[in-house]
N, C-alpha and C. Protein backbone atom coordinates (compact mmCIF):
# COMPACT_ATOMS: atom_id res chain seq x y z
N MET A 1 -14.88 3.31 -10.79
CA MET A 1 -14.66 2.62 -9.53
C MET A 1 -13.31 1.91 -9.55
N GLN A 2 -12.65 1.95 -8.46
CA GLN A 2 -11.32 1.37 -8.31
C GLN A 2 -11.37 -0.16 -8.37
N ASN A 3 -10.38 -0.75 -9.04
CA ASN A 3 -10.27 -2.21 -9.01
C ASN A 3 -9.84 -2.63 -7.61
N VAL A 4 -10.37 -3.74 -7.16
CA VAL A 4 -10.01 -4.25 -5.83
C VAL A 4 -8.63 -4.89 -5.92
N LYS A 5 -7.75 -4.45 -5.06
CA LYS A 5 -6.41 -5.02 -4.96
C LYS A 5 -6.31 -5.77 -3.65
N ILE A 6 -5.49 -6.79 -3.62
CA ILE A 6 -5.30 -7.55 -2.38
C ILE A 6 -4.06 -6.99 -1.71
N LEU A 7 -4.20 -6.55 -0.47
CA LEU A 7 -3.10 -5.95 0.28
C LEU A 7 -2.86 -6.69 1.58
N PHE A 8 -1.69 -6.50 2.07
CA PHE A 8 -1.30 -7.14 3.31
C PHE A 8 -0.64 -6.07 4.16
N THR A 9 -1.13 -5.80 5.34
CA THR A 9 -0.54 -4.75 6.17
C THR A 9 0.01 -5.35 7.45
N VAL A 10 1.11 -4.80 7.91
CA VAL A 10 1.70 -5.23 9.18
C VAL A 10 2.05 -3.97 9.95
N ASP A 11 1.64 -3.89 11.17
CA ASP A 11 2.02 -2.79 12.05
C ASP A 11 1.97 -3.29 13.47
N ASP A 12 2.87 -2.82 14.30
CA ASP A 12 2.91 -3.28 15.69
C ASP A 12 1.93 -2.56 16.59
N GLU A 13 1.29 -1.50 16.11
CA GLU A 13 0.32 -0.78 16.90
C GLU A 13 -1.08 -1.09 16.39
N ARG A 14 -1.88 -1.73 17.23
CA ARG A 14 -3.20 -2.20 16.82
C ARG A 14 -4.09 -1.07 16.28
N ASP A 15 -4.06 0.10 16.91
CA ASP A 15 -4.91 1.21 16.47
C ASP A 15 -4.56 1.65 15.05
N ILE A 16 -3.27 1.76 14.77
CA ILE A 16 -2.83 2.14 13.42
C ILE A 16 -3.21 1.06 12.43
N CYS A 17 -3.00 -0.18 12.81
CA CYS A 17 -3.33 -1.31 11.93
C CYS A 17 -4.83 -1.30 11.60
N LEU A 18 -5.66 -1.13 12.61
CA LEU A 18 -7.11 -1.10 12.40
C LEU A 18 -7.53 0.08 11.54
N THR A 19 -6.95 1.24 11.80
CA THR A 19 -7.29 2.43 11.02
C THR A 19 -6.92 2.25 9.55
N ILE A 20 -5.69 1.81 9.30
CA ILE A 20 -5.25 1.62 7.91
C ILE A 20 -6.11 0.56 7.22
N THR A 21 -6.38 -0.53 7.91
CA THR A 21 -7.22 -1.59 7.34
C THR A 21 -8.59 -1.04 6.97
N ASN A 22 -9.21 -0.29 7.87
CA ASN A 22 -10.54 0.27 7.60
C ASN A 22 -10.53 1.24 6.42
N VAL A 23 -9.53 2.11 6.38
CA VAL A 23 -9.42 3.07 5.27
C VAL A 23 -9.29 2.33 3.95
N LEU A 24 -8.43 1.34 3.90
CA LEU A 24 -8.21 0.61 2.65
C LEU A 24 -9.44 -0.19 2.24
N GLU A 25 -10.07 -0.86 3.20
CA GLU A 25 -11.28 -1.62 2.87
C GLU A 25 -12.40 -0.70 2.41
N ASP A 26 -12.52 0.46 3.02
CA ASP A 26 -13.53 1.43 2.61
C ASP A 26 -13.29 1.95 1.20
N ASN A 27 -12.05 1.79 0.72
CA ASN A 27 -11.71 2.23 -0.63
C ASN A 27 -11.57 1.07 -1.61
N GLY A 28 -12.15 -0.08 -1.28
CA GLY A 28 -12.25 -1.18 -2.22
C GLY A 28 -11.12 -2.19 -2.19
N PHE A 29 -10.19 -2.05 -1.27
CA PHE A 29 -9.10 -3.01 -1.16
C PHE A 29 -9.51 -4.17 -0.27
N LYS A 30 -8.97 -5.35 -0.56
CA LYS A 30 -9.13 -6.49 0.34
C LYS A 30 -7.86 -6.54 1.19
N VAL A 31 -8.02 -6.57 2.50
CA VAL A 31 -6.87 -6.43 3.40
C VAL A 31 -6.81 -7.58 4.39
N ASP A 32 -5.66 -8.21 4.46
CA ASP A 32 -5.34 -9.12 5.55
C ASP A 32 -4.33 -8.38 6.39
N SER A 33 -4.65 -8.12 7.67
CA SER A 33 -3.73 -7.35 8.50
C SER A 33 -3.30 -8.16 9.71
N PHE A 34 -2.05 -7.92 10.10
CA PHE A 34 -1.45 -8.62 11.23
C PHE A 34 -0.67 -7.62 12.07
N THR A 35 -0.71 -7.78 13.38
CA THR A 35 0.08 -6.92 14.26
C THR A 35 1.34 -7.64 14.75
N ASP A 36 1.51 -8.88 14.36
CA ASP A 36 2.69 -9.67 14.75
C ASP A 36 3.37 -10.14 13.47
N PRO A 37 4.62 -9.71 13.23
CA PRO A 37 5.29 -10.09 11.99
C PRO A 37 5.50 -11.59 11.83
N LEU A 38 5.67 -12.30 12.93
CA LEU A 38 5.85 -13.76 12.84
C LEU A 38 4.56 -14.44 12.39
N VAL A 39 3.43 -13.97 12.87
CA VAL A 39 2.13 -14.51 12.44
C VAL A 39 1.89 -14.14 10.98
N ALA A 40 2.26 -12.94 10.61
CA ALA A 40 2.13 -12.52 9.21
C ALA A 40 2.93 -13.44 8.30
N LEU A 41 4.15 -13.74 8.69
CA LEU A 41 5.01 -14.62 7.90
C LEU A 41 4.42 -16.02 7.81
N GLU A 42 3.89 -16.54 8.90
CA GLU A 42 3.26 -17.86 8.89
C GLU A 42 2.07 -17.92 7.94
N ASN A 43 1.34 -16.82 7.82
CA ASN A 43 0.13 -16.79 6.99
C ASN A 43 0.38 -16.34 5.55
N PHE A 44 1.60 -15.89 5.26
CA PHE A 44 1.91 -15.42 3.92
C PHE A 44 1.88 -16.58 2.92
N LYS A 45 1.26 -16.33 1.77
CA LYS A 45 1.23 -17.31 0.68
C LYS A 45 1.70 -16.61 -0.59
N ALA A 46 2.63 -17.24 -1.28
CA ALA A 46 3.17 -16.67 -2.51
C ALA A 46 2.06 -16.45 -3.53
N ASP A 47 2.19 -15.39 -4.29
CA ASP A 47 1.28 -15.04 -5.39
C ASP A 47 -0.14 -14.72 -4.95
N LEU A 48 -0.37 -14.50 -3.66
CA LEU A 48 -1.71 -14.18 -3.18
C LEU A 48 -1.94 -12.67 -3.12
N TYR A 49 -0.90 -11.91 -2.86
CA TYR A 49 -1.03 -10.48 -2.64
C TYR A 49 -0.41 -9.67 -3.77
N ASP A 50 -1.08 -8.55 -4.10
CA ASP A 50 -0.52 -7.61 -5.07
C ASP A 50 0.52 -6.70 -4.43
N LEU A 51 0.37 -6.46 -3.14
CA LEU A 51 1.28 -5.57 -2.43
C LEU A 51 1.32 -5.95 -0.97
N LEU A 52 2.51 -5.91 -0.38
CA LEU A 52 2.68 -6.10 1.05
C LEU A 52 3.17 -4.78 1.62
N ILE A 53 2.51 -4.30 2.66
CA ILE A 53 2.92 -3.08 3.33
C ILE A 53 3.48 -3.49 4.68
N LEU A 54 4.76 -3.22 4.89
CA LEU A 54 5.43 -3.64 6.11
C LEU A 54 5.88 -2.43 6.91
N ASP A 55 5.55 -2.42 8.17
CA ASP A 55 6.11 -1.42 9.07
C ASP A 55 7.58 -1.78 9.24
N ILE A 56 8.43 -0.80 9.39
CA ILE A 56 9.85 -1.09 9.56
C ILE A 56 10.17 -1.46 11.00
N LYS A 57 9.65 -0.69 11.93
CA LYS A 57 9.99 -0.90 13.34
C LYS A 57 8.87 -1.69 14.01
N MET A 58 9.16 -2.97 14.28
CA MET A 58 8.19 -3.87 14.91
C MET A 58 8.92 -4.73 15.93
N PRO A 59 8.19 -5.24 16.91
CA PRO A 59 8.81 -6.16 17.86
C PRO A 59 9.03 -7.53 17.23
N LYS A 60 9.92 -8.31 17.77
CA LYS A 60 10.23 -9.68 17.37
C LYS A 60 11.01 -9.76 16.06
N MET A 61 10.61 -8.99 15.06
CA MET A 61 11.25 -9.02 13.75
C MET A 61 10.96 -7.68 13.08
N ASP A 62 11.99 -6.98 12.63
CA ASP A 62 11.71 -5.70 11.98
C ASP A 62 11.32 -5.91 10.52
N GLY A 63 10.90 -4.85 9.88
CA GLY A 63 10.42 -4.94 8.50
C GLY A 63 11.47 -5.43 7.53
N PHE A 64 12.74 -5.11 7.78
CA PHE A 64 13.81 -5.57 6.90
C PHE A 64 13.96 -7.09 6.98
N GLU A 65 13.91 -7.61 8.21
CA GLU A 65 14.01 -9.06 8.39
C GLU A 65 12.81 -9.76 7.77
N LEU A 66 11.63 -9.20 7.97
CA LEU A 66 10.42 -9.77 7.39
C LEU A 66 10.49 -9.74 5.86
N TYR A 67 11.01 -8.65 5.32
CA TYR A 67 11.23 -8.53 3.88
C TYR A 67 12.05 -9.71 3.36
N HIS A 68 13.18 -9.99 4.03
CA HIS A 68 14.05 -11.09 3.60
C HIS A 68 13.33 -12.44 3.67
N GLU A 69 12.60 -12.66 4.73
CA GLU A 69 11.89 -13.94 4.89
C GLU A 69 10.79 -14.10 3.85
N ILE A 70 10.08 -13.04 3.54
CA ILE A 70 9.04 -13.11 2.52
C ILE A 70 9.65 -13.35 1.14
N LYS A 71 10.77 -12.68 0.86
CA LYS A 71 11.43 -12.86 -0.44
C LYS A 71 11.91 -14.30 -0.63
N LYS A 72 12.23 -14.99 0.47
CA LYS A 72 12.60 -16.41 0.37
C LYS A 72 11.42 -17.25 -0.09
N LYS A 73 10.22 -16.85 0.29
CA LYS A 73 9.00 -17.58 -0.08
C LYS A 73 8.48 -17.16 -1.44
N ASP A 74 8.68 -15.88 -1.79
CA ASP A 74 8.16 -15.34 -3.05
C ASP A 74 9.04 -14.17 -3.47
N ASN A 75 10.01 -14.45 -4.31
CA ASN A 75 10.95 -13.43 -4.74
C ASN A 75 10.29 -12.32 -5.55
N ASN A 76 9.11 -12.59 -6.10
CA ASN A 76 8.41 -11.59 -6.91
C ASN A 76 7.44 -10.73 -6.11
N ALA A 77 7.34 -10.95 -4.82
CA ALA A 77 6.41 -10.17 -4.00
C ALA A 77 6.76 -8.69 -4.07
N LYS A 78 5.74 -7.86 -4.28
CA LYS A 78 5.93 -6.42 -4.27
C LYS A 78 5.73 -5.95 -2.84
N ILE A 79 6.77 -5.31 -2.31
CA ILE A 79 6.77 -4.92 -0.91
C ILE A 79 7.00 -3.43 -0.78
N CYS A 80 6.21 -2.83 0.08
CA CYS A 80 6.29 -1.41 0.37
C CYS A 80 6.49 -1.24 1.86
N PHE A 81 7.24 -0.23 2.26
CA PHE A 81 7.53 -0.01 3.67
C PHE A 81 6.82 1.22 4.19
N LEU A 82 6.26 1.08 5.39
CA LEU A 82 5.58 2.15 6.09
C LEU A 82 6.52 2.63 7.18
N THR A 83 6.85 3.92 7.19
CA THR A 83 7.79 4.41 8.19
C THR A 83 7.51 5.86 8.55
N ALA A 84 7.75 6.16 9.80
CA ALA A 84 7.66 7.54 10.27
C ALA A 84 9.05 8.14 10.44
N SER A 85 10.07 7.37 10.12
CA SER A 85 11.43 7.80 10.40
C SER A 85 12.28 7.85 9.14
N GLU A 86 12.88 8.99 8.90
CA GLU A 86 13.83 9.13 7.80
C GLU A 86 15.08 8.30 8.07
N LEU A 87 15.42 8.12 9.36
CA LEU A 87 16.60 7.35 9.72
C LEU A 87 16.52 5.95 9.15
N TYR A 88 15.38 5.28 9.32
CA TYR A 88 15.23 3.93 8.79
C TYR A 88 15.27 3.93 7.27
N ASN A 89 14.66 4.92 6.67
CA ASN A 89 14.67 5.03 5.22
C ASN A 89 16.10 5.11 4.71
N GLU A 90 16.91 5.98 5.30
CA GLU A 90 18.30 6.13 4.86
C GLU A 90 19.12 4.87 5.16
N GLU A 91 18.92 4.28 6.32
CA GLU A 91 19.62 3.05 6.66
C GLU A 91 19.30 1.97 5.63
N PHE A 92 18.04 1.84 5.31
CA PHE A 92 17.59 0.85 4.35
C PHE A 92 18.17 1.11 2.97
N ARG A 93 18.11 2.37 2.54
CA ARG A 93 18.58 2.73 1.21
C ARG A 93 20.10 2.54 1.07
N ASN A 94 20.83 2.69 2.16
CA ASN A 94 22.28 2.60 2.10
C ASN A 94 22.80 1.19 2.20
N LYS A 95 21.94 0.25 2.52
CA LYS A 95 22.37 -1.15 2.58
C LYS A 95 22.26 -1.74 1.17
N GLU A 96 21.85 -3.00 1.09
CA GLU A 96 21.80 -3.65 -0.21
C GLU A 96 20.54 -3.33 -1.01
N TYR A 97 19.75 -2.39 -0.55
CA TYR A 97 18.47 -2.11 -1.19
C TYR A 97 18.50 -0.88 -2.08
N ARG A 98 19.66 -0.49 -2.52
CA ARG A 98 19.79 0.72 -3.34
C ARG A 98 18.94 0.68 -4.60
N ALA A 99 18.71 -0.51 -5.12
CA ALA A 99 17.97 -0.64 -6.38
C ALA A 99 16.46 -0.47 -6.21
N LEU A 100 15.98 -0.51 -4.98
CA LEU A 100 14.54 -0.37 -4.76
C LEU A 100 14.07 1.03 -5.12
N ASP A 101 12.90 1.08 -5.68
CA ASP A 101 12.27 2.33 -6.02
C ASP A 101 11.97 3.12 -4.75
N ARG A 102 12.35 4.38 -4.72
CA ARG A 102 12.07 5.23 -3.55
C ARG A 102 10.57 5.33 -3.28
N ASN A 103 9.76 5.13 -4.28
CA ASN A 103 8.32 5.23 -4.11
C ASN A 103 7.75 4.08 -3.29
N LEU A 104 8.56 3.10 -2.95
CA LEU A 104 8.07 1.99 -2.16
C LEU A 104 8.17 2.25 -0.66
N PHE A 105 8.35 3.52 -0.29
CA PHE A 105 8.32 3.93 1.10
C PHE A 105 7.14 4.87 1.29
N ILE A 106 6.26 4.51 2.19
CA ILE A 106 5.14 5.38 2.55
C ILE A 106 5.48 5.98 3.89
N ARG A 107 5.58 7.29 3.92
CA ARG A 107 5.97 7.96 5.15
C ARG A 107 4.74 8.36 5.96
N MET A 108 4.80 8.03 7.25
CA MET A 108 3.74 8.41 8.19
C MET A 108 4.17 9.69 8.89
N PRO A 109 3.29 10.53 9.32
CA PRO A 109 1.85 10.40 9.13
C PRO A 109 1.46 10.73 7.70
N ILE A 110 0.34 10.18 7.28
CA ILE A 110 -0.18 10.42 5.95
C ILE A 110 -1.70 10.46 6.05
N ASN A 111 -2.31 11.36 5.31
CA ASN A 111 -3.77 11.39 5.37
C ASN A 111 -4.34 10.26 4.52
N ASN A 112 -5.56 9.91 4.78
CA ASN A 112 -6.19 8.75 4.14
C ASN A 112 -6.21 8.85 2.62
N GLU A 113 -6.55 10.01 2.11
CA GLU A 113 -6.62 10.19 0.65
C GLU A 113 -5.26 9.96 0.00
N ASP A 114 -4.21 10.50 0.59
CA ASP A 114 -2.86 10.33 0.05
C ASP A 114 -2.39 8.88 0.16
N LEU A 115 -2.76 8.21 1.24
CA LEU A 115 -2.41 6.79 1.40
C LEU A 115 -3.01 5.96 0.28
N VAL A 116 -4.29 6.16 0.03
CA VAL A 116 -4.98 5.42 -1.05
C VAL A 116 -4.36 5.76 -2.40
N LYS A 117 -4.06 7.01 -2.62
CA LYS A 117 -3.44 7.45 -3.88
C LYS A 117 -2.08 6.77 -4.08
N GLU A 118 -1.25 6.78 -3.03
CA GLU A 118 0.07 6.14 -3.15
C GLU A 118 -0.04 4.64 -3.44
N ILE A 119 -0.94 3.98 -2.76
CA ILE A 119 -1.10 2.54 -2.98
C ILE A 119 -1.62 2.26 -4.38
N ASN A 120 -2.53 3.07 -4.87
CA ASN A 120 -3.00 2.91 -6.25
C ASN A 120 -1.86 3.08 -7.24
N GLU A 121 -0.98 4.06 -6.99
CA GLU A 121 0.17 4.27 -7.88
C GLU A 121 1.14 3.11 -7.84
N ILE A 122 1.38 2.57 -6.66
CA ILE A 122 2.32 1.45 -6.50
C ILE A 122 1.79 0.19 -7.16
N THR A 123 0.49 -0.04 -7.06
CA THR A 123 -0.09 -1.30 -7.57
C THR A 123 -0.50 -1.21 -9.03
N SER A 124 -0.43 -0.02 -9.62
CA SER A 124 -0.86 0.06 -11.04
C SER A 124 0.25 -0.28 -11.99
């Protein structure tokens, strides 16, 4: 049986957020999910989460901005990005994030089994 990991998901589309939350909870993860990045930032607590999954394209604040704000609160936070766009991946990789592991990008669409597998690999 899988060890329970604490995850944090952010997505601007409620249906995707609910689906991902349900899939992860059904696979033994504890999930706090938010559809508003500002609310997510307000509720973030350092050292509480094993992994943060951030959508890149969100209203009010994109995933890159949220990444910076979270790192100010907890520089050791492990953060993974959820994206359906190679454009954002390349933009992100070409900025100051060159040192980030490429495996910290989860590309959508992804089937449930592969999503759980990727998260298990990232958190192990």
